[in-house]
Amino acid sequence: MEAKACVLHSAKDLRIENVPVAEMRDDQVLVRIGAGGICGSDLHYYLDGGFGVVRVKEPMILGHEVAGTVEAVGAGVTRVGPGDRIALNPSRPCGKCKFCQAGEQQHCLDMWFYGSAMRTPHSQGAFRERIVVGDFQCEPVGDTVSIGEAACCEPLSVALHAVQQAGSLMGKRVLVTGSGPIGALVIASARYAGALEVVATDLHGAALKKAAEMGATRTVDVSQPPGLATGEFTAEKGYFDVVIECTGVGAVIKSVLPVLRPRGALIQVGVTGDVPIPIDVLGPKEIRFVGSSRFHREYALAARLLKEGRIDVKPIITATLPFERAVEAFQMAADRKAHMKVQLSF
């Protein structure tokens, strides 16, 4: 059996090609993909051929934010059945290394993650019509949410993990810097976790409008002075209990320290390179500076929250195109002023 897939050969060389569908083992599931969201990493692969030292060295199927319908199951599969609508977890940790054994699978030493050129041969992605997967990757989403909404399960998992890294948010004041797709989902996750206030920042009015739709109690356009440098936010050593930083911009990281109260937490979600950090502020204010990477157990939680309607991701989905128009979709996704989350339909 073959299926059509979105295969990247090099920067801006994305082709629709036939690829083989693997034979299904007893513990595996055949899934017909219905929708897939274009992530920032997909966009870097398409526009630049990679990011940092990670480069595409061989043809690679893109995509890891996907959902679909079970077509067939192996003899040993009991948790899902034909016809079930599922979100597909793109993480496949080894289960054997010291981190997996400690319940920290997001740090697996032998992780296979869909659509990644971090290893060679590359880990092929899921922007394809059909795929054979492990039964443990399938999270049922029921019949209420759309397949497109279910495909947001992966970025929602990233957001839920970031919120979990902050500790209890019940009754807290939270600042989310950067209101792109992850920032918007962090806002929704923080509200779900009990935050009293969630203030969102961005440079673009369209993103701030989406932030408000996702639950931000206030928005701040940091392209216009004074941005965060207001008396309300900076008085008495800071206003916010927690900052969840989603931009990865060094200047933004520095700018949030004056508005973060002593013993507050700065959760770093946005990825960047070397940036200067004012230790003379971080130390005296006893600020906890905590990283956040991927997810594991949060994926099942994300699927359930979507299934039960407790988090609504519809506002972030701004366009859906058939996968045959993938190049056009990637070009649209690159225009952040116009689009939040662009998805492919299969």
Protein backbone atom coordinates (compact mmCIF):
# COMPACT_ATOMS: atom_id res chain seq x y z
CA MET A 1 0.00 0.00 0.00
CA GLU A 2 1.12 3.54 -0.72
CA ALA A 3 -0.05 6.96 0.47
CA LYS A 4 0.58 10.51 -0.67
CA ALA A 5 2.79 12.58 1.65
CA CYS A 6 4.38 16.04 1.98
CA VAL A 7 8.08 15.36 1.45
CA LEU A 8 10.74 18.05 1.94
CA HIS A 9 13.88 17.63 -0.16
CA SER A 10 15.59 20.91 0.72
CA ALA A 11 14.67 24.48 1.62
CA LYS A 12 11.52 25.51 -0.29
CA ASP A 13 11.48 22.19 -2.16
CA LEU A 14 8.34 20.52 -0.82
CA ARG A 15 6.75 17.82 -2.98
CA ILE A 16 3.66 15.63 -2.84
CA GLU A 17 4.94 12.09 -3.35
CA ASN A 18 3.81 8.51 -2.87
CA VAL A 19 5.41 6.77 0.10
CA PRO A 20 4.97 3.18 1.31
CA VAL A 21 2.63 2.39 4.19
CA ALA A 22 4.32 0.01 6.62
CA GLU A 23 2.99 -3.45 7.39
CA MET A 24 0.95 -3.40 10.62
CA ARG A 25 2.11 -5.47 13.61
CA ASP A 26 -0.17 -6.89 16.31
CA ASP A 27 0.44 -3.90 18.60
CA GLN A 28 -0.03 -1.27 15.90
CA VAL A 29 -2.81 0.78 14.37
CA LEU A 30 -3.47 2.02 10.83
CA VAL A 31 -4.60 5.65 10.93
CA ARG A 32 -6.10 7.73 8.15
CA ILE A 33 -4.80 11.24 8.83
CA GLY A 34 -7.48 13.92 8.66
CA ALA A 35 -5.68 17.14 9.62
CA GLY A 36 -2.21 18.41 10.41
CA GLY A 37 -1.04 21.76 11.77
CA ILE A 38 2.07 23.53 10.49
CA CYS A 39 4.40 24.10 13.44
CA GLY A 40 7.24 26.61 13.73
CA SER A 41 9.78 23.81 13.30
CA ASP A 42 8.04 22.65 10.10
CA LEU A 43 8.24 26.21 8.87
CA HIS A 44 11.98 26.44 9.65
CA TYR A 45 12.59 23.22 7.73
CA TYR A 46 10.62 24.53 4.76
CA LEU A 47 12.04 28.07 4.68
CA ASP A 48 15.64 27.39 5.74
CA GLY A 49 16.22 23.66 5.40
CA GLY A 50 16.58 23.35 9.17
CA PHE A 51 17.46 25.37 12.25
CA GLY A 52 20.77 25.89 14.01
CA VAL A 53 23.01 22.89 13.29
CA VAL A 54 20.02 20.68 12.43
CA ARG A 55 19.74 20.39 8.65
CA VAL A 56 17.68 18.26 6.27
CA LYS A 57 20.17 15.86 4.67
CA GLU A 58 17.71 13.48 2.99
CA PRO A 59 14.06 13.59 1.87
CA MET A 60 11.86 13.89 4.96
CA ILE A 61 8.11 13.82 5.47
CA LEU A 62 7.14 16.86 7.55
CA GLY A 63 4.52 17.17 10.26
CA HIS A 64 3.85 16.18 13.85
CA GLU A 65 0.62 17.99 14.84
CA VAL A 66 -1.87 15.49 13.45
CA ALA A 67 -5.15 13.71 14.11
CA GLY A 68 -7.20 11.19 12.20
CA THR A 69 -9.42 8.11 12.20
CA VAL A 70 -8.47 4.53 12.99
CA GLU A 71 -8.90 2.31 9.92
CA ALA A 72 -7.60 -1.00 11.29
CA VAL A 73 -5.95 -2.39 14.41
CA GLY A 74 -3.55 -5.24 15.11
CA ALA A 75 -4.67 -8.40 16.89
CA GLY A 76 -3.28 -7.23 20.23
CA VAL A 77 -4.81 -3.74 20.25
CA THR A 78 -7.71 -3.09 22.65
CA ARG A 79 -7.58 0.62 23.55
CA VAL A 80 -8.87 1.85 20.16
CA GLY A 81 -10.89 0.32 17.35
CA PRO A 82 -11.78 0.99 13.70
CA GLY A 83 -13.72 4.23 13.32
CA ASP A 84 -12.30 5.87 16.45
CA ARG A 85 -11.20 9.48 15.98
CA ILE A 86 -7.82 10.03 17.61
CA ALA A 87 -5.10 12.59 18.22
CA LEU A 88 -1.74 11.07 17.31
CA ASN A 89 1.10 11.57 19.79
CA PRO A 90 4.27 12.23 17.73
CA SER A 91 6.65 11.24 20.57
CA ARG A 92 8.02 7.71 20.65
CA PRO A 93 10.38 7.46 23.65
CA CYS A 94 12.40 4.27 24.02
CA GLY A 95 10.99 3.35 27.45
CA LYS A 96 14.33 1.85 28.47
CA CYS A 97 16.77 4.68 29.17
CA LYS A 98 17.30 6.20 32.62
CA PHE A 99 15.04 9.16 31.87
CA CYS A 100 12.16 7.01 30.60
CA GLN A 101 12.54 4.76 33.64
CA ALA A 102 12.33 7.85 35.87
CA GLY A 103 9.11 9.04 34.20
CA GLU A 104 10.89 11.86 32.34
CA GLN A 105 10.23 10.57 28.84
CA GLN A 106 10.53 14.03 27.28
CA HIS A 107 14.29 13.69 27.92
CA CYS A 108 14.57 10.19 26.38
CA LEU A 109 18.06 9.37 25.13
CA ASP A 110 16.66 7.59 22.07
CA MET A 111 13.57 9.64 21.20
CA TRP A 112 11.93 9.33 17.80
CA PHE A 113 9.78 12.38 17.10
CA TYR A 114 7.81 12.78 13.88
CA GLY A 115 9.30 15.05 11.23
CA SER A 116 12.71 15.61 12.81
CA ALA A 117 16.13 15.85 11.15
CA MET A 118 17.92 15.76 14.50
CA ARG A 119 19.04 12.22 13.72
CA THR A 120 20.10 10.37 10.57
CA PRO A 121 18.27 8.61 9.10
CA HIS A 122 15.68 11.28 9.77
CA SER A 123 12.53 10.56 11.74
CA GLN A 124 9.81 10.73 9.11
CA GLY A 125 6.77 12.86 9.85
CA ALA A 126 3.02 12.41 9.66
CA PHE A 127 1.84 14.77 6.88
CA ARG A 128 0.58 11.80 4.87
CA GLU A 129 -2.72 10.17 4.04
CA ARG A 130 -2.14 7.00 6.07
CA ILE A 131 0.36 5.93 8.72
CA VAL A 132 0.97 2.87 10.88
CA VAL A 133 1.56 3.81 14.53
CA GLY A 134 1.91 2.25 17.96
CA ASP A 135 -1.35 1.83 19.83
CA PHE A 136 0.11 3.86 22.74
CA GLN A 137 0.29 6.91 20.45
CA CYS A 138 -3.47 7.05 19.90
CA GLU A 139 -5.60 9.24 22.19
CA PRO A 140 -9.37 9.08 21.49
CA VAL A 141 -11.05 12.47 21.12
CA GLY A 142 -14.67 11.41 20.66
CA ASP A 143 -17.12 12.76 18.10
CA THR A 144 -17.64 16.32 19.35
CA VAL A 145 -14.45 18.15 18.39
CA SER A 146 -13.34 18.46 14.79
CA ILE A 147 -10.28 16.61 13.50
CA GLY A 148 -8.63 20.00 13.04
CA GLU A 149 -9.15 20.82 16.72
CA ALA A 150 -7.82 17.39 17.68
CA ALA A 151 -4.66 18.12 15.66
CA CYS A 152 -3.96 20.95 18.14
CA CYS A 153 -3.40 18.35 20.86
CA GLU A 154 0.39 18.42 20.40
CA PRO A 155 0.94 22.20 20.81
CA LEU A 156 -1.59 22.19 23.65
CA SER A 157 0.54 19.53 25.34
CA VAL A 158 3.58 21.82 25.07
CA ALA A 159 1.57 24.59 26.72
CA LEU A 160 0.26 22.35 29.49
CA HIS A 161 3.79 21.17 30.28
CA ALA A 162 5.02 24.77 30.49
CA VAL A 163 2.20 25.64 32.91
CA GLN A 164 3.00 22.55 34.97
CA GLN A 165 6.62 23.73 35.23
CA ALA A 166 5.40 26.88 36.99
CA GLY A 167 3.77 25.01 39.87
CA SER A 168 0.34 25.97 41.18
CA LEU A 169 -1.21 28.94 39.36
CA MET A 170 -4.32 29.09 41.52
CA GLY A 171 -5.07 32.76 42.17
CA LYS A 172 -1.79 33.90 40.56
CA ARG A 173 -1.01 36.78 38.22
CA VAL A 174 0.57 35.40 35.05
CA LEU A 175 2.31 37.19 32.18
CA VAL A 176 2.58 35.39 28.82
CA THR A 177 5.09 36.98 26.44
CA GLY A 178 4.42 36.24 22.79
CA SER A 179 0.89 35.43 21.64
CA GLY A 180 1.62 33.07 18.76
CA PRO A 181 0.08 29.59 18.71
CA ILE A 182 2.02 28.32 21.74
CA GLY A 183 1.51 31.56 23.67
CA ALA A 184 -2.22 31.48 22.94
CA LEU A 185 -2.46 27.89 24.18
CA VAL A 186 -0.40 28.78 27.27
CA ILE A 187 -2.98 31.48 28.01
CA ALA A 188 -5.82 28.96 27.81
CA SER A 189 -3.85 26.45 29.90
CA ALA A 190 -3.05 29.03 32.57
CA ARG A 191 -6.71 29.99 32.85
CA TYR A 192 -7.63 26.30 33.11
CA ALA A 193 -5.02 25.96 35.89
CA GLY A 194 -6.72 28.68 37.95
CA ALA A 195 -4.72 31.83 37.19
CA LEU A 196 -6.50 34.93 38.49
CA GLU A 197 -5.07 37.18 35.77
CA VAL A 198 -3.37 36.35 32.49
CA VAL A 199 -1.79 39.31 30.72
CA ALA A 200 -0.54 38.66 27.17
CA THR A 201 1.97 40.60 25.09
CA ASP A 202 2.80 40.72 21.40
CA LEU A 203 3.93 43.07 18.64
CA HIS A 204 0.89 42.45 16.44
CA GLY A 205 -2.70 43.46 17.02
CA ALA A 206 -4.09 40.33 15.32
CA ALA A 207 -2.18 38.07 17.73
CA LEU A 208 -3.38 40.09 20.71
CA LYS A 209 -6.96 39.76 19.53
CA LYS A 210 -6.52 35.99 19.44
CA ALA A 211 -4.93 36.12 22.91
CA ALA A 212 -8.08 37.75 24.24
CA GLU A 213 -10.24 35.11 22.55
CA MET A 214 -8.11 32.41 24.25
CA GLY A 215 -8.74 33.89 27.69
CA ALA A 216 -6.25 36.70 28.32
CA THR A 217 -7.70 39.13 30.86
CA ARG A 218 -5.57 41.94 29.40
CA THR A 219 -3.29 42.42 26.41
CA VAL A 220 -0.28 44.70 25.95
CA ASP A 221 1.06 45.83 22.58
CA VAL A 222 4.79 45.96 23.34
CA SER A 223 5.50 47.65 20.00
CA GLN A 224 4.04 50.80 21.56
CA PRO A 225 5.61 52.55 24.57
CA PRO A 226 5.55 52.11 27.47
CA GLY A 227 4.91 48.40 26.86
CA LEU A 228 5.40 46.62 30.18
CA ALA A 229 7.31 49.53 31.72
CA THR A 230 4.30 50.97 33.53
CA GLY A 231 4.08 51.93 37.16
CA GLU A 232 1.41 49.33 37.75
CA PHE A 233 3.65 46.48 36.60
CA THR A 234 6.99 47.71 38.00
CA ALA A 235 5.95 49.19 41.37
CA GLU A 236 6.81 47.39 44.61
CA LYS A 237 9.35 45.10 42.92
CA GLY A 238 6.96 43.68 40.35
CA TYR A 239 3.37 42.69 39.64
CA PHE A 240 3.45 39.13 38.28
CA ASP A 241 3.88 35.87 40.15
CA VAL A 242 4.79 33.93 37.02
CA VAL A 243 6.07 34.83 33.56
CA ILE A 244 5.80 32.23 30.79
CA GLU A 245 8.14 33.42 28.05
CA CYS A 246 7.21 32.19 24.57
CA THR A 247 9.25 34.40 22.23
CA GLY A 248 12.84 33.25 22.80
CA VAL A 249 13.98 36.86 22.28
CA GLY A 250 16.77 37.92 24.62
CA ALA A 251 15.49 41.48 24.99
CA VAL A 252 12.08 40.15 26.03
CA ILE A 253 13.60 37.87 28.68
CA LYS A 254 15.45 40.85 30.13
CA SER A 255 12.38 43.09 30.00
CA VAL A 256 10.19 40.83 32.15
CA LEU A 257 12.49 40.77 35.19
CA PRO A 258 11.41 44.21 36.50
CA VAL A 259 7.73 43.16 36.42
CA LEU A 260 8.26 39.78 38.07
CA ARG A 261 7.88 39.90 41.84
CA PRO A 262 10.54 38.51 44.23
CA ARG A 263 10.53 34.70 44.39
CA GLY A 264 8.46 34.59 41.21
CA ALA A 265 9.02 32.08 38.41
CA LEU A 266 10.19 32.67 34.85
CA ILE A 267 9.32 29.70 32.63
CA GLN A 268 11.26 29.67 29.37
CA VAL A 269 9.34 28.07 26.48
CA GLY A 270 10.64 30.06 23.50
CA VAL A 271 13.86 28.66 22.04
CA THR A 272 16.84 30.88 21.41
CA GLY A 273 20.65 30.91 21.44
CA ASP A 274 22.98 32.68 23.83
CA VAL A 275 21.40 35.70 25.50
CA PRO A 276 22.65 38.00 28.26
CA ILE A 277 20.81 37.47 31.55
CA PRO A 278 21.06 40.17 34.26
CA ILE A 279 22.12 37.98 37.18
CA ASP A 280 22.20 41.09 39.39
CA VAL A 281 18.37 41.09 39.10
CA LEU A 282 17.75 37.36 38.97
CA GLY A 283 19.73 36.66 42.16
CA PRO A 284 18.58 39.42 44.51
CA LYS A 285 14.91 38.87 43.58
CA GLU A 286 15.34 35.09 44.05
CA ILE A 287 13.63 34.41 40.75
CA ARG A 288 13.29 30.79 39.64
CA PHE A 289 14.38 30.50 36.00
CA VAL A 290 12.94 27.22 34.68
CA GLY A 291 13.14 25.62 31.26
CA SER A 292 10.29 23.76 29.56
CA SER A 293 10.74 21.14 26.85
CA ARG A 294 8.11 19.17 24.98
CA PHE A 295 5.71 17.00 27.03
CA HIS A 296 4.79 13.41 27.86
CA ARG A 297 1.88 12.66 30.18
CA GLU A 298 0.32 16.00 29.19
CA TYR A 299 -0.67 14.60 25.79
CA ALA A 300 -3.41 12.40 27.22
CA LEU A 301 -4.59 15.33 29.35
CA ALA A 302 -4.69 17.62 26.30
CA ALA A 303 -6.80 15.09 24.38
CA ARG A 304 -9.24 14.80 27.26
CA LEU A 305 -9.53 18.57 27.72
CA LEU A 306 -10.33 18.95 24.02
CA LYS A 307 -12.73 16.01 24.05
CA GLU A 308 -14.64 17.43 27.03
CA GLY A 309 -14.65 21.01 25.71
CA ARG A 310 -12.71 22.40 28.66
CA ILE A 311 -10.22 24.18 26.40
CA ASP A 312 -11.35 25.65 23.08
CA VAL A 313 -8.64 25.80 20.40
CA LYS A 314 -10.85 26.97 17.54
CA PRO A 315 -9.70 30.63 17.72
CA ILE A 316 -6.10 29.76 16.81
CA ILE A 317 -7.00 27.83 13.63
CA THR A 318 -6.96 30.59 11.01
CA ALA A 319 -6.78 28.63 7.73
CA THR A 320 -7.15 25.07 6.43
CA LEU A 321 -5.98 23.99 2.97
CA PRO A 322 -5.96 20.58 1.27
CA PHE A 323 -2.53 18.96 1.57
CA GLU A 324 -2.09 19.11 -2.20
CA ARG A 325 -1.70 22.89 -1.65
CA ALA A 326 0.96 22.43 1.01
CA VAL A 327 3.38 24.93 -0.50
CA GLU A 328 0.70 27.62 -0.44
CA ALA A 329 -0.18 26.67 3.13
CA PHE A 330 3.45 27.00 4.26
CA GLN A 331 3.68 30.41 2.61
CA MET A 332 0.55 31.48 4.48
CA ALA A 333 1.92 30.14 7.76
CA ALA A 334 5.01 32.31 7.32
CA ASP A 335 2.84 35.45 7.43
CA ARG A 336 2.37 35.82 11.19
CA LYS A 337 0.52 39.11 10.83
CA ALA A 338 -2.26 37.31 8.97
CA HIS A 339 -2.25 33.79 10.40
CA MET A 340 -1.96 31.95 13.70
CA LYS A 341 -2.26 28.21 12.93
CA VAL A 342 -2.50 27.02 9.35
CA GLN A 343 -3.58 23.41 8.90
CA LEU A 344 -3.57 20.88 6.09
CA SER A 345 -6.55 18.62 5.47
CA PHE A 346 -6.05 15.08 4.19
